[in-house]
PDB file of N, CA and C in Angstrom:
ATOM      1  N   MET A   1     -13.843 -83.259 -52.591  1.00  0.00           N
ATOM      2  CA  MET A   1     -14.471 -81.994 -52.928  1.00  0.00           C
ATOM      3  C   MET A   1     -15.746 -82.295 -53.717  1.00  0.00           C
ATOM      4  N   ASP A   2     -16.828 -81.604 -53.381  1.00  0.00           N
ATOM      5  CA  ASP A   2     -18.142 -81.878 -53.947  1.00  0.00           C
ATOM      6  C   ASP A   2     -18.517 -80.799 -54.964  1.00  0.00           C
ATOM      7  N   LEU A   3     -17.881 -80.833 -56.127  1.00  0.00           N
ATOM      8  CA  LEU A   3     -18.162 -79.812 -57.134  1.00  0.00           C
ATOM      9  C   LEU A   3     -18.794 -80.412 -58.393  1.00  0.00           C
ATOM     10  N   GLN A   4     -19.422 -81.592 -58.271  1.00  0.00           N
ATOM     11  CA  GLN A   4     -20.029 -82.214 -59.440  1.00  0.00           C
ATOM     12  C   GLN A   4     -21.051 -81.315 -60.106  1.00  0.00           C
ATOM     13  N   ASP A   5     -21.736 -80.484 -59.308  1.00  0.00           N
ATOM     14  CA  ASP A   5     -22.756 -79.603 -59.874  1.00  0.00           C
ATOM     15  C   ASP A   5     -22.161 -78.601 -60.853  1.00  0.00           C
ATOM     16  N   CYS A   6     -20.855 -78.387 -60.784  1.00  0.00           N
ATOM     17  CA  CYS A   6     -20.214 -77.414 -61.666  1.00  0.00           C
ATOM     18  C   CYS A   6     -19.388 -78.091 -62.754  1.00  0.00           C
ATOM     19  N   ASP A   7     -19.643 -79.364 -63.007  1.00  0.00           N
ATOM     20  CA  ASP A   7     -18.959 -80.090 -64.072  1.00  0.00           C
ATOM     21  C   ASP A   7     -19.601 -79.684 -65.399  1.00  0.00           C
ATOM     22  N   ALA A   8     -18.873 -78.899 -66.188  1.00  0.00           N
ATOM     23  CA  ALA A   8     -19.437 -78.347 -67.421  1.00  0.00           C
ATOM     24  C   ALA A   8     -19.719 -79.402 -68.479  1.00  0.00           C
ATOM     25  N   THR A   9     -19.302 -80.653 -68.258  1.00  0.00           N
ATOM     26  CA  THR A   9     -19.646 -81.690 -69.223  1.00  0.00           C
ATOM     27  C   THR A   9     -21.107 -82.114 -69.067  1.00  0.00           C
ATOM     28  N   ALA A  10     -21.730 -81.746 -67.963  1.00  0.00           N
ATOM     29  CA  ALA A  10     -23.145 -82.055 -67.781  1.00  0.00           C
ATOM     30  C   ALA A  10     -23.960 -81.156 -68.704  1.00  0.00           C
ATOM     31  N   PRO A  11     -24.884 -81.715 -69.474  1.00  0.00           N
ATOM     32  CA  PRO A  11     -25.657 -80.911 -70.440  1.00  0.00           C
ATOM     33  C   PRO A  11     -26.362 -79.720 -69.812  1.00  0.00           C
ATOM     34  N   LEU A  12     -26.892 -79.874 -68.601  1.00  0.00           N
ATOM     35  CA  LEU A  12     -27.613 -78.786 -67.955  1.00  0.00           C
ATOM     36  C   LEU A  12     -26.682 -77.597 -67.695  1.00  0.00           C
ATOM     37  N   ILE A  13     -25.457 -77.857 -67.273  1.00  0.00           N
ATOM     38  CA  ILE A  13     -24.504 -76.782 -66.992  1.00  0.00           C
ATOM     39  C   ILE A  13     -24.094 -76.100 -68.287  1.00  0.00           C
ATOM     40  N   SER A  14     -23.837 -76.862 -69.318  1.00  0.00           N
ATOM     41  CA  SER A  14     -23.414 -76.289 -70.594  1.00  0.00           C
ATOM     42  C   SER A  14     -24.475 -75.379 -71.184  1.00  0.00           C
ATOM     43  N   SER A  15     -25.739 -75.768 -71.051  1.00  0.00           N
ATOM     44  CA  SER A  15     -26.793 -74.946 -71.647  1.00  0.00           C
ATOM     45  C   SER A  15     -27.211 -73.789 -70.736  1.00  0.00           C
ATOM     46  N   ALA A  16     -27.201 -73.994 -69.427  1.00  0.00           N
ATOM     47  CA  ALA A  16     -27.654 -72.956 -68.508  1.00  0.00           C
ATOM     48  C   ALA A  16     -26.567 -71.935 -68.205  1.00  0.00           C
ATOM     49  N   MET A  17     -25.330 -72.319 -68.409  1.00  0.00           N
ATOM     50  CA  MET A  17     -24.184 -71.469 -68.102  1.00  0.00           C
ATOM     51  C   MET A  17     -24.236 -70.984 -66.658  1.00  0.00           C
ATOM     52  N   SER A  18     -24.559 -71.897 -65.742  1.00  0.00           N
ATOM     53  CA  SER A  18     -24.553 -71.589 -64.324  1.00  0.00           C
ATOM     54  C   SER A  18     -24.354 -72.876 -63.543  1.00  0.00           C
ATOM     55  N   CYS A  19     -23.964 -72.743 -62.304  1.00  0.00           N
ATOM     56  CA  CYS A  19     -23.838 -73.901 -61.438  1.00  0.00           C
ATOM     57  C   CYS A  19     -23.898 -73.438 -59.989  1.00  0.00           C
ATOM     58  N   THR A  20     -24.056 -74.389 -59.109  1.00  0.00           N
ATOM     59  CA  THR A  20     -24.103 -74.111 -57.675  1.00  0.00           C
ATOM     60  C   THR A  20     -22.920 -74.797 -57.021  1.00  0.00           C
ATOM     61  N   ILE A  21     -22.154 -74.051 -56.264  1.00  0.00           N
ATOM     62  CA  ILE A  21     -21.023 -74.614 -55.527  1.00  0.00           C
ATOM     63  C   ILE A  21     -21.469 -74.780 -54.086  1.00  0.00           C
ATOM     64  N   PRO A  22     -21.535 -76.002 -53.596  1.00  0.00           N
ATOM     65  CA  PRO A  22     -21.972 -76.199 -52.213  1.00  0.00           C
ATOM     66  C   PRO A  22     -21.053 -75.472 -51.235  1.00  0.00           C
ATOM     67  N   LEU A  23     -21.642 -74.807 -50.258  1.00  0.00           N
ATOM     68  CA  LEU A  23     -20.865 -74.099 -49.252  1.00  0.00           C
ATOM     69  C   LEU A  23     -19.904 -75.042 -48.554  1.00  0.00           C
ATOM     70  N   SER A  24     -20.319 -76.292 -48.372  1.00  0.00           N
ATOM     71  CA  SER A  24     -19.456 -77.267 -47.701  1.00  0.00           C
ATOM     72  C   SER A  24     -18.163 -77.494 -48.482  1.00  0.00           C
ATOM     73  N   SER A  25     -18.191 -77.313 -49.802  1.00  0.00           N
ATOM     74  CA  SER A  25     -16.972 -77.458 -50.604  1.00  0.00           C
ATOM     75  C   SER A  25     -15.993 -76.320 -50.355  1.00  0.00           C
ATOM     76  N   LEU A  26     -16.513 -75.140 -50.059  1.00  0.00           N
ATOM     77  CA  LEU A  26     -15.648 -73.982 -49.845  1.00  0.00           C
ATOM     78  C   LEU A  26     -15.118 -73.900 -48.424  1.00  0.00           C
ATOM     79  N   THR A  27     -15.894 -74.411 -47.460  1.00  0.00           N
ATOM     80  CA  THR A  27     -15.454 -74.321 -46.066  1.00  0.00           C
ATOM     81  C   THR A  27     -14.586 -75.509 -45.660  1.00  0.00           C
ATOM     82  N   ALA A  28     -14.551 -76.560 -46.473  1.00  0.00           N
ATOM     83  CA  ALA A  28     -13.700 -77.724 -46.205  1.00  0.00           C
ATOM     84  C   ALA A  28     -12.402 -77.591 -47.002  1.00  0.00           C
ATOM     85  N   GLY A  29     -11.454 -78.482 -46.736  1.00  0.00           N
ATOM     86  CA  GLY A  29     -10.202 -78.493 -47.489  1.00  0.00           C
ATOM     87  C   GLY A  29     -10.457 -78.835 -48.937  1.00  0.00           C
ATOM     88  N   PRO A  30      -9.698 -78.373 -49.877  1.00  0.00           N
ATOM     89  CA  PRO A  30      -8.458 -77.621 -49.699  1.00  0.00           C
ATOM     90  C   PRO A  30      -8.673 -76.109 -49.503  1.00  0.00           C
ATOM     91  N   PHE A  31      -9.907 -75.623 -49.664  1.00  0.00           N
ATOM     92  CA  PHE A  31     -10.143 -74.175 -49.583  1.00  0.00           C
ATOM     93  C   PHE A  31     -10.147 -73.669 -48.141  1.00  0.00           C
ATOM     94  N   SER A  32     -10.892 -74.350 -47.269  1.00  0.00           N
ATOM     95  CA  SER A  32     -10.979 -74.027 -45.843  1.00  0.00           C
ATOM     96  C   SER A  32     -11.305 -72.556 -45.583  1.00  0.00           C
ATOM     97  N   LEU A  33     -12.267 -72.032 -46.342  1.00  0.00           N
ATOM     98  CA  LEU A  33     -12.681 -70.648 -46.134  1.00  0.00           C
ATOM     99  C   LEU A  33     -13.568 -70.553 -44.904  1.00  0.00           C
ATOM    100  N   GLY A  34     -13.459 -69.469 -44.180  1.00  0.00           N
ATOM    101  CA  GLY A  34     -14.256 -69.258 -42.985  1.00  0.00           C
ATOM    102  C   GLY A  34     -15.426 -68.342 -43.264  1.00  0.00           C
ATOM    103  N   LEU A  35     -16.387 -68.356 -42.356  1.00  0.00           N
ATOM    104  CA  LEU A  35     -17.529 -67.459 -42.477  1.00  0.00           C
ATOM    105  C   LEU A  35     -17.046 -66.018 -42.512  1.00  0.00           C
ATOM    106  N   GLY A  36     -17.611 -65.228 -43.389  1.00  0.00           N
ATOM    107  CA  GLY A  36     -17.248 -63.820 -43.518  1.00  0.00           C
ATOM    108  C   GLY A  36     -16.126 -63.560 -44.501  1.00  0.00           C
ATOM    109  N   GLU A  37     -15.423 -64.605 -44.936  1.00  0.00           N
ATOM    110  CA  GLU A  37     -14.339 -64.396 -45.898  1.00  0.00           C
ATOM    111  C   GLU A  37     -14.915 -64.119 -47.278  1.00  0.00           C
ATOM    112  N   MET A  38     -14.222 -63.266 -48.019  1.00  0.00           N
ATOM    113  CA  MET A  38     -14.659 -62.906 -49.372  1.00  0.00           C
ATOM    114  C   MET A  38     -14.174 -63.955 -50.374  1.00  0.00           C
ATOM    115  N   ILE A  39     -14.993 -64.198 -51.385  1.00  0.00           N
ATOM    116  CA  ILE A  39     -14.583 -65.059 -52.488  1.00  0.00           C
ATOM    117  C   ILE A  39     -14.828 -64.317 -53.793  1.00  0.00           C
ATOM    118  N   ASN A  40     -13.982 -64.579 -54.766  1.00  0.00           N
ATOM    119  CA  ASN A  40     -14.138 -64.065 -56.129  1.00  0.00           C
ATOM    120  C   ASN A  40     -14.224 -65.267 -57.044  1.00  0.00           C
ATOM    121  N   THR A  41     -14.980 -65.153 -58.100  1.00  0.00           N
ATOM    122  CA  THR A  41     -15.085 -66.260 -59.046  1.00  0.00           C
ATOM    123  C   THR A  41     -14.715 -65.794 -60.442  1.00  0.00           C
ATOM    124  N   LYS A  42     -14.152 -66.730 -61.204  1.00  0.00           N
ATOM    125  CA  LYS A  42     -13.859 -66.554 -62.626  1.00  0.00           C
ATOM    126  C   LYS A  42     -14.272 -67.833 -63.328  1.00  0.00           C
ATOM    127  N   VAL A  43     -14.496 -67.758 -64.622  1.00  0.00           N
ATOM    128  CA  VAL A  43     -14.896 -68.931 -65.399  1.00  0.00           C
ATOM    129  C   VAL A  43     -13.989 -69.051 -66.608  1.00  0.00           C
ATOM    130  N   VAL A  44     -13.677 -70.291 -66.963  1.00  0.00           N
ATOM    131  CA  VAL A  44     -12.907 -70.594 -68.163  1.00  0.00           C
ATOM    132  C   VAL A  44     -13.784 -71.470 -69.049  1.00  0.00           C
ATOM    133  N   ALA A  45     -13.886 -71.140 -70.328  1.00  0.00           N
ATOM    134  CA  ALA A  45     -14.621 -71.964 -71.292  1.00  0.00           C
ATOM    135  C   ALA A  45     -13.639 -72.943 -71.947  1.00  0.00           C
ATOM    136  N   TYR A  46     -14.119 -74.119 -72.233  1.00  0.00           N
ATOM    137  CA  TYR A  46     -13.262 -75.153 -72.823  1.00  0.00           C
ATOM    138  C   TYR A  46     -13.992 -75.788 -73.988  1.00  0.00           C
ATOM    139  N   ASN A  47     -13.278 -76.023 -75.078  1.00  0.00           N
ATOM    140  CA  ASN A  47     -13.816 -76.825 -76.175  1.00  0.00           C
ATOM    141  C   ASN A  47     -12.692 -77.727 -76.696  1.00  0.00           C
ATOM    142  N   VAL A  48     -12.927 -78.399 -77.812  1.00  0.00           N
ATOM    143  CA  VAL A  48     -11.927 -79.345 -78.328  1.00  0.00           C
ATOM    144  C   VAL A  48     -10.615 -78.668 -78.690  1.00  0.00           C
ATOM    145  N   ASN A  49     -10.628 -77.361 -78.865  1.00  0.00           N
ATOM    146  CA  ASN A  49      -9.414 -76.637 -79.226  1.00  0.00           C
ATOM    147  C   ASN A  49      -8.626 -76.137 -78.016  1.00  0.00           C
ATOM    148  N   GLY A  50      -9.211 -76.225 -76.823  1.00  0.00           N
ATOM    149  CA  GLY A  50      -8.480 -75.802 -75.630  1.00  0.00           C
ATOM    150  C   GLY A  50      -9.294 -74.913 -74.713  1.00  0.00           C
ATOM    151  N   ASP A  51      -8.564 -74.275 -73.781  1.00  0.00           N
ATOM    152  CA  ASP A  51      -9.175 -73.411 -72.767  1.00  0.00           C
ATOM    153  C   ASP A  51      -9.150 -71.957 -73.207  1.00  0.00           C
ATOM    154  N   SER A  52     -10.188 -71.224 -72.822  1.00  0.00           N
ATOM    155  CA  SER A  52     -10.204 -69.776 -73.031  1.00  0.00           C
ATOM    156  C   SER A  52      -9.349 -69.117 -71.949  1.00  0.00           C
ATOM    157  N   LEU A  53      -9.172 -67.829 -72.068  1.00  0.00           N
ATOM    158  CA  LEU A  53      -8.602 -67.068 -70.978  1.00  0.00           C
ATOM    159  C   LEU A  53      -9.640 -67.010 -69.861  1.00  0.00           C
ATOM    160  N   GLN A  54      -9.222 -66.666 -68.659  1.00  0.00           N
ATOM    161  CA  GLN A  54     -10.171 -66.531 -67.563  1.00  0.00           C
ATOM    162  C   GLN A  54     -11.061 -65.313 -67.787  1.00  0.00           C
ATOM    163  N   SER A  55     -12.297 -65.445 -67.376  1.00  0.00           N
ATOM    164  CA  SER A  55     -13.226 -64.311 -67.442  1.00  0.00           C
ATOM    165  C   SER A  55     -12.780 -63.242 -66.449  1.00  0.00           C
ATOM    166  N   ALA A  56     -13.399 -62.089 -66.549  1.00  0.00           N
ATOM    167  CA  ALA A  56     -13.189 -61.062 -65.533  1.00  0.00           C
ATOM    168  C   ALA A  56     -13.765 -61.574 -64.214  1.00  0.00           C
ATOM    169  N   VAL A  57     -13.298 -61.018 -63.121  1.00  0.00           N
ATOM    170  CA  VAL A  57     -13.823 -61.410 -61.809  1.00  0.00           C
ATOM    171  C   VAL A  57     -15.300 -61.050 -61.739  1.00  0.00           C
ATOM    172  N   GLY A  58     -16.076 -61.967 -61.262  1.00  0.00           N
ATOM    173  CA  GLY A  58     -17.502 -61.744 -61.068  1.00  0.00           C
ATOM    174  C   GLY A  58     -17.976 -62.545 -59.887  1.00  0.00           C
ATOM    175  N   GLY A  59     -19.125 -62.257 -59.412  1.00  0.00           N
ATOM    176  CA  GLY A  59     -19.687 -63.035 -58.318  1.00  0.00           C
ATOM    177  C   GLY A  59     -18.959 -62.850 -56.999  1.00  0.00           C
ATOM    178  N   THR A  60     -18.374 -61.690 -56.772  1.00  0.00           N
ATOM    179  CA  THR A  60     -17.707 -61.440 -55.503  1.00  0.00           C
ATOM    180  C   THR A  60     -18.738 -61.462 -54.385  1.00  0.00           C
ATOM    181  N   ASP A  61     -18.468 -62.249 -53.368  1.00  0.00           N
ATOM    182  CA  ASP A  61     -19.427 -62.377 -52.281  1.00  0.00           C
ATOM    183  C   ASP A  61     -18.723 -62.864 -51.034  1.00  0.00           C
ATOM    184  N   LYS A  62     -19.450 -62.870 -49.925  1.00  0.00           N
ATOM    185  CA  LYS A  62     -18.937 -63.383 -48.660  1.00  0.00           C
ATOM    186  C   LYS A  62     -19.510 -64.765 -48.404  1.00  0.00           C
ATOM    187  N   ILE A  63     -18.739 -65.570 -47.676  1.00  0.00           N
ATOM    188  CA  ILE A  63     -19.237 -66.852 -47.205  1.00  0.00           C
ATOM    189  C   ILE A  63     -20.139 -66.539 -46.008  1.00  0.00           C
ATOM    190  N   VAL A  64     -21.435 -66.699 -46.186  1.00  0.00           N
ATOM    191  CA  VAL A  64     -22.388 -66.399 -45.114  1.00  0.00           C
ATOM    192  C   VAL A  64     -23.418 -67.520 -45.023  1.00  0.00           C
ATOM    193  N   LEU A  65     -24.013 -67.605 -43.896  1.00  0.00           N
ATOM    194  CA  LEU A  65     -25.087 -68.563 -43.661  1.00  0.00           C
ATOM    195  C   LEU A  65     -26.248 -67.842 -42.994  1.00  0.00           C
ATOM    196  N   ILE A  66     -27.449 -68.294 -43.265  1.00  0.00           N
ATOM    197  CA  ILE A  66     -28.582 -67.789 -42.506  1.00  0.00           C
ATOM    198  C   ILE A  66     -28.593 -68.520 -41.172  1.00  0.00           C
ATOM    199  N   PRO A  67     -29.160 -67.925 -40.158  1.00  0.00           N
ATOM    200  CA  PRO A  67     -29.165 -68.596 -38.851  1.00  0.00           C
ATOM    201  C   PRO A  67     -30.076 -69.820 -38.848  1.00  0.00           C
ATOM    202  N   ASP A  68     -29.747 -70.758 -37.966  1.00  0.00           N
ATOM    203  CA  ASP A  68     -30.648 -71.879 -37.725  1.00  0.00           C
ATOM    204  C   ASP A  68     -31.887 -71.351 -37.006  1.00  0.00           C
ATOM    205  N   PRO A  69     -33.005 -72.060 -37.108  1.00  0.00           N
ATOM    206  CA  PRO A  69     -34.212 -71.602 -36.415  1.00  0.00           C
ATOM    207  C   PRO A  69     -33.988 -71.542 -34.903  1.00  0.00           C
ATOM    208  N   PRO A  70     -34.641 -70.593 -34.237  1.00  0.00           N
ATOM    209  CA  PRO A  70     -34.578 -70.576 -32.781  1.00  0.00           C
ATOM    210  C   PRO A  70     -35.056 -71.921 -32.220  1.00  0.00           C
ATOM    211  N   ALA A  71     -34.538 -72.257 -31.035  1.00  0.00           N
ATOM    212  CA  ALA A  71     -34.840 -73.561 -30.432  1.00  0.00           C
ATOM    213  C   ALA A  71     -35.469 -73.360 -29.054  1.00  0.00           C
ATOM    214  N   ASN A  72     -35.973 -74.436 -28.518  1.00  0.00           N
ATOM    215  CA  ASN A  72     -36.492 -74.476 -27.147  1.00  0.00           C
ATOM    216  C   ASN A  72     -37.573 -73.433 -26.889  1.00  0.00           C
ATOM    217  N   LEU A  73     -38.450 -73.225 -27.874  1.00  0.00           N
ATOM    218  CA  LEU A  73     -39.542 -72.272 -27.693  1.00  0.00           C
ATOM    219  C   LEU A  73     -40.508 -72.796 -26.636  1.00  0.00           C
ATOM    220  N   GLY A  74     -40.847 -71.935 -25.716  1.00  0.00           N
ATOM    221  CA  GLY A  74     -41.790 -72.333 -24.670  1.00  0.00           C
ATOM    222  C   GLY A  74     -42.360 -71.115 -23.977  1.00  0.00           C
ATOM    223  N   TYR A  75     -43.315 -71.371 -23.108  1.00  0.00           N
ATOM    224  CA  TYR A  75     -43.922 -70.289 -22.331  1.00  0.00           C
ATOM    225  C   TYR A  75     -43.001 -69.911 -21.189  1.00  0.00           C
ATOM    226  N   ASP A  76     -42.894 -68.643 -20.923  1.00  0.00           N
ATOM    227  CA  ASP A  76     -42.135 -68.134 -19.789  1.00  0.00           C
ATOM    228  C   ASP A  76     -43.146 -67.849 -18.689  1.00  0.00           C
ATOM    229  N   TYR A  77     -43.283 -68.778 -17.781  1.00  0.00           N
ATOM    230  CA  TYR A  77     -44.307 -68.663 -16.741  1.00  0.00           C
ATOM    231  C   TYR A  77     -44.065 -67.472 -15.817  1.00  0.00           C
ATOM    232  N   PHE A  78     -42.822 -67.039 -15.694  1.00  0.00           N
ATOM    233  CA  PHE A  78     -42.524 -65.891 -14.842  1.00  0.00           C
ATOM    234  C   PHE A  78     -42.945 -64.571 -15.496  1.00  0.00           C
ATOM    235  N   GLN A  79     -43.052 -64.560 -16.825  1.00  0.00           N
ATOM    236  CA  GLN A  79     -43.476 -63.363 -17.543  1.00  0.00           C
ATOM    237  C   GLN A  79     -44.958 -63.392 -17.908  1.00  0.00           C
ATOM    238  N   THR A  80     -45.614 -64.525 -17.710  1.00  0.00           N
ATOM    239  CA  THR A  80     -47.035 -64.648 -18.016  1.00  0.00           C
ATOM    240  C   THR A  80     -47.837 -64.119 -16.830  1.00  0.00           C
ATOM    241  N   ILE A  81     -48.640 -63.115 -17.121  1.00  0.00           N
ATOM    242  CA  ILE A  81     -49.461 -62.496 -16.070  1.00  0.00           C
ATOM    243  C   ILE A  81     -50.900 -62.427 -16.559  1.00  0.00           C
ATOM    244  N   SER A  82     -51.766 -61.757 -15.843  1.00  0.00           N
ATOM    245  CA  SER A  82     -53.193 -61.758 -16.180  1.00  0.00           C
ATOM    246  C   SER A  82     -53.496 -61.171 -17.547  1.00  0.00           C
ATOM    247  N   ASP A  83     -52.660 -60.265 -18.051  1.00  0.00           N
ATOM    248  CA  ASP A  83     -52.958 -59.652 -19.348  1.00  0.00           C
ATOM    249  C   ASP A  83     -51.832 -59.824 -20.376  1.00  0.00           C
ATOM    250  N   ALA A  84     -50.920 -60.771 -20.133  1.00  0.00           N
ATOM    251  CA  ALA A  84     -49.819 -61.003 -21.082  1.00  0.00           C
ATOM    252  C   ALA A  84     -49.306 -62.428 -20.959  1.00  0.00           C
ATOM    253  N   ILE A  85     -48.867 -62.960 -22.083  1.00  0.00           N
ATOM    254  CA  ILE A  85     -48.265 -64.287 -22.109  1.00  0.00           C
ATOM    255  C   ILE A  85     -46.793 -64.108 -22.471  1.00  0.00           C
ATOM    256  N   GLY A  86     -45.928 -64.665 -21.664  1.00  0.00           N
ATOM    257  CA  GLY A  86     -44.494 -64.601 -21.955  1.00  0.00           C
ATOM    258  C   GLY A  86     -44.033 -65.836 -22.711  1.00  0.00           C
ATOM    259  N   ILE A  87     -43.175 -65.637 -23.696  1.00  0.00           N
ATOM    260  CA  ILE A  87     -42.557 -66.763 -24.396  1.00  0.00           C
ATOM    261  C   ILE A  87     -41.049 -66.556 -24.358  1.00  0.00           C
ATOM    262  N   GLN A  88     -40.321 -67.642 -24.502  1.00  0.00           N
ATOM    263  CA  GLN A  88     -38.866 -67.569 -24.507  1.00  0.00           C
ATOM    264  C   GLN A  88     -38.311 -68.610 -25.471  1.00  0.00           C
ATOM    265  N   TRP A  89     -37.086 -68.403 -25.928  1.00  0.00           N
ATOM    266  CA  TRP A  89     -36.416 -69.331 -26.828  1.00  0.00           C
ATOM    267  C   TRP A  89     -34.923 -69.120 -26.692  1.00  0.00           C
ATOM    268  N   THR A  90     -34.175 -70.002 -27.323  1.00  0.00           N
ATOM    269  CA  THR A  90     -32.726 -69.864 -27.397  1.00  0.00           C
ATOM    270  C   THR A  90     -32.337 -69.822 -28.865  1.00  0.00           C
ATOM    271  N   ASP A  91     -31.131 -69.345 -29.143  1.00  0.00           N
ATOM    272  CA  ASP A  91     -30.638 -69.394 -30.521  1.00  0.00           C
ATOM    273  C   ASP A  91     -30.463 -70.842 -30.935  1.00  0.00           C
ATOM    274  N   GLY A  92     -30.604 -71.103 -32.232  1.00  0.00           N
ATOM    275  CA  GLY A  92     -30.335 -72.431 -32.754  1.00  0.00           C
ATOM    276  C   GLY A  92     -28.838 -72.722 -32.681  1.00  0.00           C
ATOM    277  N   PRO A  93     -28.414 -73.888 -33.152  1.00  0.00           N
ATOM    278  CA  PRO A  93     -27.006 -74.264 -33.069  1.00  0.00           C
ATOM    279  C   PRO A  93     -26.051 -73.272 -33.749  1.00  0.00           C
ATOM    280  N   SER A  94     -26.489 -72.621 -34.821  1.00  0.00           N
ATOM    281  CA  SER A  94     -25.626 -71.659 -35.510  1.00  0.00           C
ATOM    282  C   SER A  94     -26.398 -70.369 -35.751  1.00  0.00           C
ATOM    283  N   ILE A  95     -25.750 -69.234 -35.494  1.00  0.00           N
ATOM    284  CA  ILE A  95     -26.384 -67.954 -35.804  1.00  0.00           C
ATOM    285  C   ILE A  95     -25.942 -67.449 -37.177  1.00  0.00           C
ATOM    286  N   GLY A  96     -25.247 -68.279 -37.943  1.00  0.00           N
ATOM    287  CA  GLY A  96     -24.895 -67.934 -39.315  1.00  0.00           C
ATOM    288  C   GLY A  96     -23.651 -67.080 -39.456  1.00  0.00           C
ATOM    289  N   GLY A  97     -22.868 -66.978 -38.418  1.00  0.00           N
ATOM    290  CA  GLY A  97     -21.608 -66.257 -38.530  1.00  0.00           C
ATOM    291  C   GLY A  97     -21.693 -64.761 -38.302  1.00  0.00           C
ATOM    292  N   SER A  98     -22.877 -64.248 -38.012  1.00  0.00           N
ATOM    293  CA  SER A  98     -23.014 -62.831 -37.698  1.00  0.00           C
ATOM    294  C   SER A  98     -24.139 -62.674 -36.680  1.00  0.00           C
ATOM    295  N   PRO A  99     -24.145 -61.569 -35.940  1.00  0.00           N
ATOM    296  CA  PRO A  99     -25.151 -61.416 -34.882  1.00  0.00           C
ATOM    297  C   PRO A  99     -26.587 -61.426 -35.409  1.00  0.00           C
ATOM    298  N   ILE A 100     -27.491 -61.956 -34.600  1.00  0.00           N
ATOM    299  CA  ILE A 100     -28.920 -61.905 -34.915  1.00  0.00           C
ATOM    300  C   ILE A 100     -29.361 -60.444 -34.773  1.00  0.00           C
ATOM    301  N   LEU A 101     -30.060 -59.926 -35.770  1.00  0.00           N
ATOM    302  CA  LEU A 101     -30.505 -58.537 -35.741  1.00  0.00           C
ATOM    303  C   LEU A 101     -31.897 -58.374 -35.129  1.00  0.00           C
ATOM    304  N   GLU A 102     -32.765 -59.350 -35.323  1.00  0.00           N
ATOM    305  CA  GLU A 102     -34.098 -59.285 -34.732  1.00  0.00           C
ATOM    306  C   GLU A 102     -34.750 -60.652 -34.797  1.00  0.00           C
ATOM    307  N   TYR A 103     -35.767 -60.807 -34.004  1.00  0.00           N
ATOM    308  CA  TYR A 103     -36.608 -61.998 -34.030  1.00  0.00           C
ATOM    309  C   TYR A 103     -38.011 -61.546 -34.438  1.00  0.00           C
ATOM    310  N   ILE A 104     -38.684 -62.357 -35.208  1.00  0.00           N
ATOM    311  CA  ILE A 104     -40.056 -62.061 -35.634  1.00  0.00           C
ATOM    312  C   ILE A 104     -40.937 -63.159 -35.065  1.00  0.00           C
ATOM    313  N   VAL A 105     -41.918 -62.773 -34.284  1.00  0.00           N
ATOM    314  CA  VAL A 105     -42.812 -63.731 -33.635  1.00  0.00           C
ATOM    315  C   VAL A 105     -44.063 -63.899 -34.490  1.00  0.00           C
ATOM    316  N   TRP A 106     -44.407 -65.150 -34.773  1.00  0.00           N
ATOM    317  CA  TRP A 106     -45.598 -65.494 -35.551  1.00  0.00           C
ATOM    318  C   TRP A 106     -46.574 -66.220 -34.625  1.00  0.00           C
ATOM    319  N   TYR A 107     -47.864 -66.152 -34.926  1.00  0.00           N
ATOM    320  CA  TYR A 107     -48.856 -66.872 -34.140  1.00  0.00           C
ATOM    321  C   TYR A 107     -49.960 -67.379 -35.050  1.00  0.00           C
ATOM    322  N   ASP A 108     -50.687 -68.369 -34.565  1.00  0.00           N
ATOM    323  CA  ASP A 108     -51.953 -68.746 -35.192  1.00  0.00           C
ATOM    324  C   ASP A 108     -53.007 -68.725 -34.096  1.00  0.00           C
ATOM    325  N   ASN A 109     -54.243 -68.895 -34.474  1.00  0.00           N
ATOM    326  CA  ASN A 109     -55.320 -68.793 -33.491  1.00  0.00           C
ATOM    327  C   ASN A 109     -55.633 -70.133 -32.836  1.00  0.00           C
ATOM    328  N   ALA A 110     -54.683 -71.045 -32.883  1.00  0.00           N
ATOM    329  CA  ALA A 110     -54.809 -72.379 -32.274  1.00  0.00           C
ATOM    330  C   ALA A 110     -55.894 -73.228 -32.922  1.00  0.00           C
ATOM    331  N   ALA A 111     -56.287 -72.868 -34.126  1.00  0.00           N
ATOM    332  CA  ALA A 111     -57.299 -73.652 -34.844  1.00  0.00           C
ATOM    333  C   ALA A 111     -56.663 -74.821 -35.572  1.00  0.00           C
ATOM    334  N   ALA A 112     -55.339 -74.942 -35.449  1.00  0.00           N
ATOM    335  CA  ALA A 112     -54.587 -76.037 -36.081  1.00  0.00           C
ATOM    336  C   ALA A 112     -54.712 -76.020 -37.603  1.00  0.00           C
ATOM    337  N   ASN A 113     -54.932 -74.843 -38.173  1.00  0.00           N
ATOM    338  CA  ASN A 113     -55.017 -74.768 -39.636  1.00  0.00           C
ATOM    339  C   ASN A 113     -53.663 -74.434 -40.258  1.00  0.00           C
ATOM    340  N   GLY A 114     -52.657 -74.187 -39.434  1.00  0.00           N
ATOM    341  CA  GLY A 114     -51.304 -73.938 -39.950  1.00  0.00           C
ATOM    342  C   GLY A 114     -51.092 -72.576 -40.576  1.00  0.00           C
ATOM    343  N   VAL A 115     -52.030 -71.654 -40.406  1.00  0.00           N
ATOM    344  CA  VAL A 115     -51.880 -70.311 -40.962  1.00  0.00           C
ATOM    345  C   VAL A 115     -51.354 -69.392 -39.861  1.00  0.00           C
ATOM    346  N   TYR A 116     -50.140 -68.921 -40.031  1.00  0.00           N
ATOM    347  CA  TYR A 116     -49.512 -68.074 -39.020  1.00  0.00           C
ATOM    348  C   TYR A 116     -49.425 -66.634 -39.518  1.00  0.00           C
ATOM    349  N   THR A 117     -49.546 -65.701 -38.584  1.00  0.00           N
ATOM    350  CA  THR A 117     -49.505 -64.270 -38.858  1.00  0.00           C
ATOM    351  C   THR A 117     -48.408 -63.655 -38.000  1.00  0.00           C
ATOM    352  N   ILE A 118     -47.764 -62.624 -38.528  1.00  0.00           N
ATOM    353  CA  ILE A 118     -46.727 -61.966 -37.757  1.00  0.00           C
ATOM    354  C   ILE A 118     -47.362 -61.235 -36.581  1.00  0.00           C
ATOM    355  N   LEU A 119     -46.832 -61.486 -35.393  1.00  0.00           N
ATOM    356  CA  LEU A 119     -47.335 -60.859 -34.170  1.00  0.00           C
ATOM    357  C   LEU A 119     -46.450 -59.701 -33.760  1.00  0.00           C
ATOM    358  N   ALA A 120     -45.155 -59.920 -33.716  1.00  0.00           N
ATOM    359  CA  ALA A 120     -44.237 -58.875 -33.272  1.00  0.00           C
ATOM    360  C   ALA A 120     -42.927 -58.977 -34.024  1.00  0.00           C
TER     361      ALA A 120
END
C-alpha cells in the first residue's frame, strides 16, 4: 500500500494538516474500490499520550478519473470536401469510468508557435 504521503510523522504533513492518498492505493488491495464507489474519510490525531477519537466524517467523494486524451487524431478524408476539413479520433484507453460528455476541438494556425484556440 502506497500511503507514505499520509504518514503524519513527516514534518510537512504535521504542519500542513493534509495529505494526498494515491488513487492506486484505494483501487488496489486491501481496499479494492471501484470507479464510482463512494469513500468517506476520518482523521485521528496522535501524540505521546495516545490517539484522539476519530474526527467527524469529511471528504466524502467518489472514486473518479478524468478521461485519457483522445487518440488516433487524423484527417477524415471522406468528410473533407471543398469547404470543410473532416477530423476523426478515438477515445483514449480509459474514459475515466463515466461517459464522455463532449469533445472540445482546438486549433492553431500552423505557425508552429504552440498557441491553440478553441474551435468547436
